[in-house]
Each structure stands twice: as C-alpha cells, then as structure tokens.
Amino acid sequence: MKSFIVFTLCAAVALAAPQRQAYSGDEKQAETLRYDNNVDVYAYSTSLETSNGIKSAESGTLNNQGKDNEAFVRSGQYAYVGPDGVTYSVTWTADENGYHAQGAHLPQ
C-alpha cells in the first residue's frame, strides 16, 4: 500500500510540473498556407504547409484487402525550420513491418 501511495504522489508531482515545449518556430504567427485532404474508402492523402516553414504530406492505402495479410501502408514526409535556422526533413513509411524514418540529421 505504501508503494502505491508513493507512486501516486510521484505521478501527481510529475504531472503538475511545468511541461517544456519543443521549439517549432513562431507558432503564434504561423498561418496555414495550403491544406489538402483526400479520403477514399481504402486510401487517403493529406498535405499541409504553414507560413513558418512547416511542410507535411502523407498518403496511405489498404493493401491485400480481405486477405490474411491485409495491411494499411502509409508513407510521407515532413520538414520544419529548427531554432538554428536549418530546415530538417524526414521521410517515413509505416506498414506491417513497423515505422521507418530517414533524415540526414537522424542516426543510421
């Protein structure tokens, strides 16, 4: 019972602590420049661009519909300007084998 109380108190302190927010540019001044969204029963695509340099696009499809190896496959990319002024880009895929991301700034 004591360990439960200690755990609960630790969790309460952690949740009450101020949360650090990641830098993502001048968020309050950013405006949506472009937003596209296309959804079908077995596929979708979406893209977004904001005035502070954030760009994102992704698409997905249902492969092998109705079969034992049916899987939803997604891929996309995103880019943002970091606090150092450098544009960071990531391309990724997500499928039955997991999530895989690639970017020049990510470890290999």
PDB file of N, CA and C in Angstrom:
ATOM      1  N   MET A   1       0.817  -1.185   0.000  1.00  0.00           N
ATOM      2  CA  MET A   1       0.000   0.000   0.000  1.00  0.00           C
ATOM      3  C   MET A   1       0.871   1.264   0.000  1.00  0.00           C
ATOM      4  N   LYS A   2       1.986   1.215   0.758  1.00  0.00           N
ATOM      5  CA  LYS A   2       2.872   2.377   0.806  1.00  0.00           C
ATOM      6  C   LYS A   2       3.460   2.676  -0.571  1.00  0.00           C
ATOM      7  N   SER A   3       3.826   1.624  -1.288  1.00  0.00           N
ATOM      8  CA  SER A   3       4.414   1.848  -2.611  1.00  0.00           C
ATOM      9  C   SER A   3       3.391   2.454  -3.564  1.00  0.00           C
ATOM     10  N   PHE A   4       2.132   2.093  -3.427  1.00  0.00           N
ATOM     11  CA  PHE A   4       1.087   2.671  -4.261  1.00  0.00           C
ATOM     12  C   PHE A   4       0.946   4.163  -3.967  1.00  0.00           C
ATOM     13  N   ILE A   5       0.981   4.537  -2.700  1.00  0.00           N
ATOM     14  CA  ILE A   5       0.867   5.944  -2.319  1.00  0.00           C
ATOM     15  C   ILE A   5       2.061   6.735  -2.836  1.00  0.00           C
ATOM     16  N   VAL A   6       3.261   6.181  -2.701  1.00  0.00           N
ATOM     17  CA  VAL A   6       4.463   6.852  -3.190  1.00  0.00           C
ATOM     18  C   VAL A   6       4.382   7.023  -4.700  1.00  0.00           C
ATOM     19  N   PHE A   7       3.960   5.975  -5.401  1.00  0.00           N
ATOM     20  CA  PHE A   7       3.819   6.044  -6.849  1.00  0.00           C
ATOM     21  C   PHE A   7       2.811   7.122  -7.239  1.00  0.00           C
ATOM     22  N   THR A   8       1.668   7.174  -6.564  1.00  0.00           N
ATOM     23  CA  THR A   8       0.637   8.153  -6.860  1.00  0.00           C
ATOM     24  C   THR A   8       1.151   9.573  -6.631  1.00  0.00           C
ATOM     25  N   LEU A   9       1.887   9.781  -5.531  1.00  0.00           N
ATOM     26  CA  LEU A   9       2.441  11.105  -5.260  1.00  0.00           C
ATOM     27  C   LEU A   9       3.465  11.511  -6.313  1.00  0.00           C
ATOM     28  N   CYS A  10       4.316  10.580  -6.709  1.00  0.00           N
ATOM     29  CA  CYS A  10       5.315  10.879  -7.751  1.00  0.00           C
ATOM     30  C   CYS A  10       4.638  11.233  -9.077  1.00  0.00           C
ATOM     31  N   ALA A  11       3.600  10.488  -9.415  1.00  0.00           N
ATOM     32  CA  ALA A  11       2.872  10.759 -10.654  1.00  0.00           C
ATOM     33  C   ALA A  11       2.213  12.133 -10.595  1.00  0.00           C
ATOM     34  N   ALA A  12       1.644  12.484  -9.450  1.00  0.00           N
ATOM     35  CA  ALA A  12       0.990  13.784  -9.302  1.00  0.00           C
ATOM     36  C   ALA A  12       1.998  14.925  -9.435  1.00  0.00           C
ATOM     37  N   VAL A  13       3.176  14.760  -8.853  1.00  0.00           N
ATOM     38  CA  VAL A  13       4.219  15.789  -8.951  1.00  0.00           C
ATOM     39  C   VAL A  13       4.683  15.933 -10.399  1.00  0.00           C
ATOM     40  N   ALA A  14       4.880  14.802 -11.074  1.00  0.00           N
ATOM     41  CA  ALA A  14       5.333  14.843 -12.468  1.00  0.00           C
ATOM     42  C   ALA A  14       4.307  15.519 -13.367  1.00  0.00           C
ATOM     43  N   LEU A  15       3.041  15.248 -13.137  1.00  0.00           N
ATOM     44  CA  LEU A  15       2.001  15.856 -13.963  1.00  0.00           C
ATOM     45  C   LEU A  15       1.821  17.337 -13.657  1.00  0.00           C
ATOM     46  N   ALA A  16       2.098  17.733 -12.435  1.00  0.00           N
ATOM     47  CA  ALA A  16       1.932  19.130 -12.051  1.00  0.00           C
ATOM     48  C   ALA A  16       3.112  19.999 -12.487  1.00  0.00           C
ATOM     49  N   ALA A  17       4.244  19.393 -12.781  1.00  0.00           N
ATOM     50  CA  ALA A  17       5.434  20.154 -13.171  1.00  0.00           C
ATOM     51  C   ALA A  17       5.198  20.837 -14.516  1.00  0.00           C
ATOM     52  N   PRO A  18       5.777  22.023 -14.704  1.00  0.00           N
ATOM     53  CA  PRO A  18       5.630  22.697 -15.996  1.00  0.00           C
ATOM     54  C   PRO A  18       6.232  21.846 -17.107  1.00  0.00           C
ATOM     55  N   GLN A  19       5.537  21.762 -18.222  1.00  0.00           N
ATOM     56  CA  GLN A  19       5.986  20.945 -19.346  1.00  0.00           C
ATOM     57  C   GLN A  19       6.789  21.806 -20.299  1.00  0.00           C
ATOM     58  N   ARG A  20       7.948  21.315 -20.700  1.00  0.00           N
ATOM     59  CA  ARG A  20       8.788  22.019 -21.666  1.00  0.00           C
ATOM     60  C   ARG A  20       8.239  21.765 -23.058  1.00  0.00           C
ATOM     61  N   GLN A  21       8.096  22.786 -23.829  1.00  0.00           N
ATOM     62  CA  GLN A  21       7.595  22.646 -25.185  1.00  0.00           C
ATOM     63  C   GLN A  21       8.746  22.705 -26.173  1.00  0.00           C
ATOM     64  N   ALA A  22       8.662  21.859 -27.174  1.00  0.00           N
ATOM     65  CA  ALA A  22       9.692  21.836 -28.218  1.00  0.00           C
ATOM     66  C   ALA A  22       9.567  23.076 -29.097  1.00  0.00           C
ATOM     67  N   TYR A  23      10.683  23.560 -29.602  1.00  0.00           N
ATOM     68  CA  TYR A  23      10.698  24.712 -30.491  1.00  0.00           C
ATOM     69  C   TYR A  23      10.163  24.312 -31.849  1.00  0.00           C
ATOM     70  N   SER A  24       9.276  25.085 -32.377  1.00  0.00           N
ATOM     71  CA  SER A  24       8.786  24.813 -33.733  1.00  0.00           C
ATOM     72  C   SER A  24       8.556  26.110 -34.503  1.00  0.00           C
ATOM     73  N   GLY A  25       9.345  27.109 -34.232  1.00  0.00           N
ATOM     74  CA  GLY A  25       9.209  28.361 -34.949  1.00  0.00           C
ATOM     75  C   GLY A  25       8.276  29.320 -34.225  1.00  0.00           C
ATOM     76  N   ASP A  26       7.853  30.322 -34.919  1.00  0.00           N
ATOM     77  CA  ASP A  26       6.975  31.341 -34.344  1.00  0.00           C
ATOM     78  C   ASP A  26       5.529  30.877 -34.487  1.00  0.00           C
ATOM     79  N   GLU A  27       5.107  29.969 -33.616  1.00  0.00           N
ATOM     80  CA  GLU A  27       3.801  29.321 -33.718  1.00  0.00           C
ATOM     81  C   GLU A  27       2.641  30.308 -33.695  1.00  0.00           C
ATOM     82  N   LYS A  28       2.735  31.348 -32.887  1.00  0.00           N
ATOM     83  CA  LYS A  28       1.624  32.279 -32.764  1.00  0.00           C
ATOM     84  C   LYS A  28       1.420  33.090 -34.036  1.00  0.00           C
ATOM     85  N   GLN A  29       2.446  33.212 -34.851  1.00  0.00           N
ATOM     86  CA  GLN A  29       2.354  33.996 -36.068  1.00  0.00           C
ATOM     87  C   GLN A  29       2.128  33.127 -37.307  1.00  0.00           C
ATOM     88  N   ALA A  30       2.180  31.817 -37.155  1.00  0.00           N
ATOM     89  CA  ALA A  30       2.068  30.925 -38.310  1.00  0.00           C
ATOM     90  C   ALA A  30       0.639  30.883 -38.837  1.00  0.00           C
ATOM     91  N   GLU A  31       0.544  30.852 -40.149  1.00  0.00           N
ATOM     92  CA  GLU A  31      -0.744  30.723 -40.816  1.00  0.00           C
ATOM     93  C   GLU A  31      -0.691  29.528 -41.748  1.00  0.00           C
ATOM     94  N   THR A  32      -1.823  28.901 -41.952  1.00  0.00           N
ATOM     95  CA  THR A  32      -1.910  27.799 -42.896  1.00  0.00           C
ATOM     96  C   THR A  32      -1.937  28.374 -44.301  1.00  0.00           C
ATOM     97  N   LEU A  33      -0.948  28.003 -45.097  1.00  0.00           N
ATOM     98  CA  LEU A  33      -0.874  28.475 -46.478  1.00  0.00           C
ATOM     99  C   LEU A  33      -1.596  27.531 -47.434  1.00  0.00           C
ATOM    100  N   ARG A  34      -1.501  26.240 -47.130  1.00  0.00           N
ATOM    101  CA  ARG A  34      -2.115  25.233 -48.002  1.00  0.00           C
ATOM    102  C   ARG A  34      -2.496  24.027 -47.173  1.00  0.00           C
ATOM    103  N   TYR A  35      -3.691  23.499 -47.415  1.00  0.00           N
ATOM    104  CA  TYR A  35      -4.130  22.272 -46.764  1.00  0.00           C
ATOM    105  C   TYR A  35      -4.968  21.490 -47.759  1.00  0.00           C
ATOM    106  N   ASP A  36      -4.563  20.276 -48.052  1.00  0.00           N
ATOM    107  CA  ASP A  36      -5.298  19.387 -48.952  1.00  0.00           C
ATOM    108  C   ASP A  36      -5.576  18.092 -48.222  1.00  0.00           C
ATOM    109  N   ASN A  37      -6.772  17.555 -48.409  1.00  0.00           N
ATOM    110  CA  ASN A  37      -7.144  16.316 -47.749  1.00  0.00           C
ATOM    111  C   ASN A  37      -8.074  15.538 -48.676  1.00  0.00           C
ATOM    112  N   ASN A  38      -7.659  14.351 -49.073  1.00  0.00           N
ATOM    113  CA  ASN A  38      -8.463  13.492 -49.940  1.00  0.00           C
ATOM    114  C   ASN A  38      -8.613  12.136 -49.266  1.00  0.00           C
ATOM    115  N   VAL A  39      -9.864  11.729 -49.059  1.00  0.00           N
ATOM    116  CA  VAL A  39     -10.126  10.467 -48.364  1.00  0.00           C
ATOM    117  C   VAL A  39     -11.033   9.609 -49.227  1.00  0.00           C
ATOM    118  N   ASP A  40     -10.646   8.358 -49.368  1.00  0.00           N
ATOM    119  CA  ASP A  40     -11.435   7.358 -50.069  1.00  0.00           C
ATOM    120  C   ASP A  40     -11.646   6.217 -49.079  1.00  0.00           C
ATOM    121  N   VAL A  41     -12.397   5.226 -49.459  1.00  0.00           N
ATOM    122  CA  VAL A  41     -12.660   4.109 -48.551  1.00  0.00           C
ATOM    123  C   VAL A  41     -11.377   3.366 -48.193  1.00  0.00           C
ATOM    124  N   TYR A  42     -10.491   3.169 -49.155  1.00  0.00           N
ATOM    125  CA  TYR A  42      -9.288   2.379 -48.920  1.00  0.00           C
ATOM    126  C   TYR A  42      -7.990   3.154 -49.123  1.00  0.00           C
ATOM    127  N   ALA A  43      -8.077   4.468 -49.214  1.00  0.00           N
ATOM    128  CA  ALA A  43      -6.867   5.268 -49.420  1.00  0.00           C
ATOM    129  C   ALA A  43      -7.122   6.704 -48.965  1.00  0.00           C
ATOM    130  N   TYR A  44      -6.039   7.399 -48.683  1.00  0.00           N
ATOM    131  CA  TYR A  44      -6.137   8.812 -48.325  1.00  0.00           C
ATOM    132  C   TYR A  44      -4.832   9.512 -48.671  1.00  0.00           C
ATOM    133  N   SER A  45      -4.895  10.829 -48.749  1.00  0.00           N
ATOM    134  CA  SER A  45      -3.695  11.648 -48.861  1.00  0.00           C
ATOM    135  C   SER A  45      -4.007  12.994 -48.217  1.00  0.00           C
ATOM    136  N   THR A  46      -3.007  13.567 -47.608  1.00  0.00           N
ATOM    137  CA  THR A  46      -3.166  14.862 -46.968  1.00  0.00           C
ATOM    138  C   THR A  46      -1.852  15.624 -47.028  1.00  0.00           C
ATOM    139  N   SER A  47      -1.926  16.939 -47.112  1.00  0.00           N
ATOM    140  CA  SER A  47      -0.717  17.760 -47.111  1.00  0.00           C
ATOM    141  C   SER A  47      -1.027  19.100 -46.452  1.00  0.00           C
ATOM    142  N   LEU A  48       0.023  19.685 -45.881  1.00  0.00           N
ATOM    143  CA  LEU A  48      -0.108  20.927 -45.139  1.00  0.00           C
ATOM    144  C   LEU A  48       1.154  21.750 -45.308  1.00  0.00           C
ATOM    145  N   GLU A  49       0.990  23.055 -45.431  1.00  0.00           N
ATOM    146  CA  GLU A  49       2.133  23.972 -45.454  1.00  0.00           C
ATOM    147  C   GLU A  49       1.756  25.209 -44.652  1.00  0.00           C
ATOM    148  N   THR A  50       2.654  25.635 -43.766  1.00  0.00           N
ATOM    149  CA  THR A  50       2.390  26.817 -42.948  1.00  0.00           C
ATOM    150  C   THR A  50       3.408  27.908 -43.240  1.00  0.00           C
ATOM    151  N   SER A  51       3.090  29.108 -42.805  1.00  0.00           N
ATOM    152  CA  SER A  51       3.935  30.260 -43.095  1.00  0.00           C
ATOM    153  C   SER A  51       5.257  30.249 -42.337  1.00  0.00           C
ATOM    154  N   ASN A  52       5.404  29.407 -41.314  1.00  0.00           N
ATOM    155  CA  ASN A  52       6.671  29.351 -40.578  1.00  0.00           C
ATOM    156  C   ASN A  52       7.586  28.225 -41.063  1.00  0.00           C
ATOM    157  N   GLY A  53       7.318  27.693 -42.258  1.00  0.00           N
ATOM    158  CA  GLY A  53       8.227  26.734 -42.867  1.00  0.00           C
ATOM    159  C   GLY A  53       7.911  25.276 -42.631  1.00  0.00           C
ATOM    160  N   ILE A  54       6.813  24.962 -41.955  1.00  0.00           N
ATOM    161  CA  ILE A  54       6.447  23.561 -41.743  1.00  0.00           C
ATOM    162  C   ILE A  54       5.740  23.044 -42.984  1.00  0.00           C
ATOM    163  N   LYS A  55       6.179  21.882 -43.463  1.00  0.00           N
ATOM    164  CA  LYS A  55       5.540  21.218 -44.595  1.00  0.00           C
ATOM    165  C   LYS A  55       5.354  19.753 -44.234  1.00  0.00           C
ATOM    166  N   SER A  56       4.207  19.214 -44.571  1.00  0.00           N
ATOM    167  CA  SER A  56       3.913  17.826 -44.247  1.00  0.00           C
ATOM    168  C   SER A  56       3.020  17.236 -45.329  1.00  0.00           C
ATOM    169  N   ALA A  57       3.283  15.993 -45.693  1.00  0.00           N
ATOM    170  CA  ALA A  57       2.442  15.280 -46.654  1.00  0.00           C
ATOM    171  C   ALA A  57       2.493  13.795 -46.329  1.00  0.00           C
ATOM    172  N   GLU A  58       1.367  13.135 -46.464  1.00  0.00           N
ATOM    173  CA  GLU A  58       1.354  11.687 -46.274  1.00  0.00           C
ATOM    174  C   GLU A  58       0.212  11.075 -47.066  1.00  0.00           C
ATOM    175  N   SER A  59       0.339   9.785 -47.312  1.00  0.00           N
ATOM    176  CA  SER A  59      -0.709   9.042 -48.008  1.00  0.00           C
ATOM    177  C   SER A  59      -0.716   7.616 -47.484  1.00  0.00           C
ATOM    178  N   GLY A  60      -1.827   6.962 -47.676  1.00  0.00           N
ATOM    179  CA  GLY A  60      -1.939   5.586 -47.218  1.00  0.00           C
ATOM    180  C   GLY A  60      -2.932   4.811 -48.054  1.00  0.00           C
ATOM    181  N   THR A  61      -2.704   3.515 -48.144  1.00  0.00           N
ATOM    182  CA  THR A  61      -3.604   2.631 -48.875  1.00  0.00           C
ATOM    183  C   THR A  61      -3.737   1.310 -48.128  1.00  0.00           C
ATOM    184  N   LEU A  62      -4.862   0.654 -48.333  1.00  0.00           N
ATOM    185  CA  LEU A  62      -5.083  -0.673 -47.766  1.00  0.00           C
ATOM    186  C   LEU A  62      -4.633  -1.696 -48.798  1.00  0.00           C
ATOM    187  N   ASN A  63      -3.615  -2.460 -48.463  1.00  0.00           N
ATOM    188  CA  ASN A  63      -3.095  -3.491 -49.365  1.00  0.00           C
ATOM    189  C   ASN A  63      -3.668  -4.853 -49.004  1.00  0.00           C
ATOM    190  N   ASN A  64      -3.836  -5.697 -49.994  1.00  0.00           N
ATOM    191  CA  ASN A  64      -4.314  -7.069 -49.823  1.00  0.00           C
ATOM    192  C   ASN A  64      -5.650  -7.122 -49.104  1.00  0.00           C
ATOM    193  N   GLN A  65      -6.562  -6.263 -49.529  1.00  0.00           N
ATOM    194  CA  GLN A  65      -7.864  -6.161 -48.885  1.00  0.00           C
ATOM    195  C   GLN A  65      -8.581  -7.512 -48.834  1.00  0.00           C
ATOM    196  N   GLY A  66      -9.071  -7.876 -47.651  1.00  0.00           N
ATOM    197  CA  GLY A  66      -9.832  -9.099 -47.460  1.00  0.00           C
ATOM    198  C   GLY A  66      -8.996 -10.358 -47.339  1.00  0.00           C
ATOM    199  N   LYS A  67      -7.682 -10.242 -47.407  1.00  0.00           N
ATOM    200  CA  LYS A  67      -6.803 -11.409 -47.307  1.00  0.00           C
ATOM    201  C   LYS A  67      -6.184 -11.472 -45.925  1.00  0.00           C
ATOM    202  N   ASP A  68      -5.565 -12.584 -45.611  1.00  0.00           N
ATOM    203  CA  ASP A  68      -4.936 -12.759 -44.305  1.00  0.00           C
ATOM    204  C   ASP A  68      -3.818 -11.759 -44.060  1.00  0.00           C
ATOM    205  N   ASN A  69      -3.146 -11.343 -45.116  1.00  0.00           N
ATOM    206  CA  ASN A  69      -2.029 -10.408 -44.958  1.00  0.00           C
ATOM    207  C   ASN A  69      -2.441  -8.960 -45.265  1.00  0.00           C
ATOM    208  N   GLU A  70      -3.722  -8.633 -45.056  1.00  0.00           N
ATOM    209  CA  GLU A  70      -4.209  -7.274 -45.259  1.00  0.00           C
ATOM    210  C   GLU A  70      -3.446  -6.316 -44.350  1.00  0.00           C
ATOM    211  N   ALA A  71      -3.016  -5.188 -44.899  1.00  0.00           N
ATOM    212  CA  ALA A  71      -2.260  -4.211 -44.108  1.00  0.00           C
ATOM    213  C   ALA A  71      -2.465  -2.814 -44.675  1.00  0.00           C
ATOM    214  N   PHE A  72      -2.535  -1.850 -43.787  1.00  0.00           N
ATOM    215  CA  PHE A  72      -2.617  -0.456 -44.187  1.00  0.00           C
ATOM    216  C   PHE A  72      -1.196   0.069 -44.282  1.00  0.00           C
ATOM    217  N   VAL A  73      -0.807   0.571 -45.430  1.00  0.00           N
ATOM    218  CA  VAL A  73       0.549   1.055 -45.678  1.00  0.00           C
ATOM    219  C   VAL A  73       0.495   2.565 -45.826  1.00  0.00           C
ATOM    220  N   ARG A  74       1.344   3.247 -45.065  1.00  0.00           N
ATOM    221  CA  ARG A  74       1.389   4.705 -45.089  1.00  0.00           C
ATOM    222  C   ARG A  74       2.807   5.163 -45.388  1.00  0.00           C
ATOM    223  N   SER A  75       2.919   6.333 -46.020  1.00  0.00           N
ATOM    224  CA  SER A  75       4.230   6.939 -46.235  1.00  0.00           C
ATOM    225  C   SER A  75       4.053   8.452 -46.279  1.00  0.00           C
ATOM    226  N   GLY A  76       5.141   9.140 -45.998  1.00  0.00           N
ATOM    227  CA  GLY A  76       5.042  10.588 -46.022  1.00  0.00           C
ATOM    228  C   GLY A  76       6.369  11.256 -45.766  1.00  0.00           C
ATOM    229  N   GLN A  77       6.293  12.569 -45.628  1.00  0.00           N
ATOM    230  CA  GLN A  77       7.470  13.354 -45.309  1.00  0.00           C
ATOM    231  C   GLN A  77       7.021  14.601 -44.576  1.00  0.00           C
ATOM    232  N   TYR A  78       7.935  15.156 -43.810  1.00  0.00           N
ATOM    233  CA  TYR A  78       7.688  16.444 -43.181  1.00  0.00           C
ATOM    234  C   TYR A  78       8.999  17.195 -43.067  1.00  0.00           C
ATOM    235  N   ALA A  79       8.894  18.506 -42.965  1.00  0.00           N
ATOM    236  CA  ALA A  79      10.073  19.367 -42.843  1.00  0.00           C
ATOM    237  C   ALA A  79       9.699  20.559 -41.974  1.00  0.00           C
ATOM    238  N   TYR A  80      10.677  21.046 -41.242  1.00  0.00           N
ATOM    239  CA  TYR A  80      10.478  22.219 -40.391  1.00  0.00           C
ATOM    240  C   TYR A  80      11.810  22.941 -40.242  1.00  0.00           C
ATOM    241  N   VAL A  81      11.733  24.195 -39.874  1.00  0.00           N
ATOM    242  CA  VAL A  81      12.929  25.006 -39.650  1.00  0.00           C
ATOM    243  C   VAL A  81      13.225  24.973 -38.154  1.00  0.00           C
ATOM    244  N   GLY A  82      14.413  24.502 -37.795  1.00  0.00           N
ATOM    245  CA  GLY A  82      14.812  24.402 -36.397  1.00  0.00           C
ATOM    246  C   GLY A  82      15.259  25.742 -35.839  1.00  0.00           C
ATOM    247  N   PRO A  83      15.519  25.789 -34.534  1.00  0.00           N
ATOM    248  CA  PRO A  83      15.954  27.032 -33.892  1.00  0.00           C
ATOM    249  C   PRO A  83      17.293  27.537 -34.423  1.00  0.00           C
ATOM    250  N   ASP A  84      18.050  26.641 -35.081  1.00  0.00           N
ATOM    251  CA  ASP A  84      19.339  27.033 -35.648  1.00  0.00           C
ATOM    252  C   ASP A  84      19.211  27.556 -37.080  1.00  0.00           C
ATOM    253  N   GLY A  85      17.962  27.644 -37.580  1.00  0.00           N
ATOM    254  CA  GLY A  85      17.730  28.148 -38.926  1.00  0.00           C
ATOM    255  C   GLY A  85      17.853  27.099 -40.015  1.00  0.00           C
ATOM    256  N   VAL A  86      18.198  25.879 -39.659  1.00  0.00           N
ATOM    257  CA  VAL A  86      18.358  24.785 -40.617  1.00  0.00           C
ATOM    258  C   VAL A  86      17.003  24.114 -40.849  1.00  0.00           C
ATOM    259  N   THR A  87      16.709  23.763 -42.096  1.00  0.00           N
ATOM    260  CA  THR A  87      15.497  23.025 -42.403  1.00  0.00           C
ATOM    261  C   THR A  87      15.784  21.534 -42.244  1.00  0.00           C
ATOM    262  N   TYR A  88      15.014  20.886 -41.394  1.00  0.00           N
ATOM    263  CA  TYR A  88      15.149  19.452 -41.135  1.00  0.00           C
ATOM    264  C   TYR A  88      14.031  18.725 -41.871  1.00  0.00           C
ATOM    265  N   SER A  89      14.406  17.678 -42.603  1.00  0.00           N
ATOM    266  CA  SER A  89      13.442  16.917 -43.391  1.00  0.00           C
ATOM    267  C   SER A  89      13.485  15.446 -42.989  1.00  0.00           C
ATOM    268  N   VAL A  90      12.311  14.833 -42.963  1.00  0.00           N
ATOM    269  CA  VAL A  90      12.191  13.415 -42.629  1.00  0.00           C
ATOM    270  C   VAL A  90      11.235  12.776 -43.619  1.00  0.00           C
ATOM    271  N   THR A  91      11.615  11.634 -44.156  1.00  0.00           N
ATOM    272  CA  THR A  91      10.709  10.798 -44.939  1.00  0.00           C
ATOM    273  C   THR A  91      10.473   9.533 -44.141  1.00  0.00           C
ATOM    274  N   TRP A  92       9.282   8.961 -44.247  1.00  0.00           N
ATOM    275  CA  TRP A  92       8.962   7.804 -43.422  1.00  0.00           C
ATOM    276  C   TRP A  92       7.972   6.877 -44.123  1.00  0.00           C
ATOM    277  N   THR A  93       7.970   5.646 -43.666  1.00  0.00           N
ATOM    278  CA  THR A  93       6.978   4.661 -44.072  1.00  0.00           C
ATOM    279  C   THR A  93       6.500   3.925 -42.830  1.00  0.00           C
ATOM    280  N   ALA A  94       5.279   3.458 -42.880  1.00  0.00           N
ATOM    281  CA  ALA A  94       4.720   2.657 -41.794  1.00  0.00           C
ATOM    282  C   ALA A  94       3.859   1.574 -42.420  1.00  0.00           C
ATOM    283  N   ASP A  95       4.169   0.323 -42.084  1.00  0.00           N
ATOM    284  CA  ASP A  95       3.439  -0.802 -42.652  1.00  0.00           C
ATOM    285  C   ASP A  95       3.460  -1.960 -41.667  1.00  0.00           C
ATOM    286  N   GLU A  96       3.179  -3.152 -42.154  1.00  0.00           N
ATOM    287  CA  GLU A  96       3.148  -4.319 -41.277  1.00  0.00           C
ATOM    288  C   GLU A  96       4.513  -4.627 -40.655  1.00  0.00           C
ATOM    289  N   ASN A  97       5.568  -4.001 -41.165  1.00  0.00           N
ATOM    290  CA  ASN A  97       6.917  -4.195 -40.619  1.00  0.00           C
ATOM    291  C   ASN A  97       7.336  -3.085 -39.661  1.00  0.00           C
ATOM    292  N   GLY A  98       6.440  -2.125 -39.378  1.00  0.00           N
ATOM    293  CA  GLY A  98       6.744  -1.066 -38.417  1.00  0.00           C
ATOM    294  C   GLY A  98       6.934   0.288 -39.063  1.00  0.00           C
ATOM    295  N   TYR A  99       7.451   1.205 -38.259  1.00  0.00           N
ATOM    296  CA  TYR A  99       7.678   2.591 -38.668  1.00  0.00           C
ATOM    297  C   TYR A  99       9.153   2.763 -38.979  1.00  0.00           C
ATOM    298  N   HIS A 100       9.450   3.378 -40.138  1.00  0.00           N
ATOM    299  CA  HIS A 100      10.837   3.587 -40.563  1.00  0.00           C
ATOM    300  C   HIS A 100      10.990   5.027 -41.038  1.00  0.00           C
ATOM    301  N   ALA A 101      11.883   5.763 -40.401  1.00  0.00           N
ATOM    302  CA  ALA A 101      12.101   7.164 -40.755  1.00  0.00           C
ATOM    303  C   ALA A 101      13.548   7.358 -41.230  1.00  0.00           C
ATOM    304  N   GLN A 102      13.717   8.291 -42.166  1.00  0.00           N
ATOM    305  CA  GLN A 102      15.037   8.632 -42.669  1.00  0.00           C
ATOM    306  C   GLN A 102      15.165  10.143 -42.760  1.00  0.00           C
ATOM    307  N   GLY A 103      16.313  10.629 -42.359  1.00  0.00           N
ATOM    308  CA  GLY A 103      16.615  12.054 -42.448  1.00  0.00           C
ATOM    309  C   GLY A 103      18.111  12.237 -42.236  1.00  0.00           C
ATOM    310  N   ALA A 104      18.664  13.268 -42.834  1.00  0.00           N
ATOM    311  CA  ALA A 104      20.114  13.497 -42.733  1.00  0.00           C
ATOM    312  C   ALA A 104      20.538  13.709 -41.290  1.00  0.00           C
ATOM    313  N   HIS A 105      19.672  14.223 -40.440  1.00  0.00           N
ATOM    314  CA  HIS A 105      20.007  14.503 -39.048  1.00  0.00           C
ATOM    315  C   HIS A 105      19.684  13.337 -38.110  1.00  0.00           C
ATOM    316  N   LEU A 106      19.105  12.260 -38.624  1.00  0.00           N
ATOM    317  CA  LEU A 106      18.757  11.101 -37.791  1.00  0.00           C
ATOM    318  C   LEU A 106      19.874  10.065 -37.816  1.00  0.00           C
ATOM    319  N   PRO A 107      20.086   9.380 -36.687  1.00  0.00           N
ATOM    320  CA  PRO A 107      21.122   8.339 -36.671  1.00  0.00           C
ATOM    321  C   PRO A 107      20.758   7.199 -37.613  1.00  0.00           C
ATOM    322  N   GLN A 108      21.777   6.584 -38.191  1.00  0.00           N
ATOM    323  CA  GLN A 108      21.564   5.460 -39.126  1.00  0.00           C
ATOM    324  C   GLN A 108      21.616   4.142 -38.411  1.00  0.00           C
TER     325      GLN A 108
END
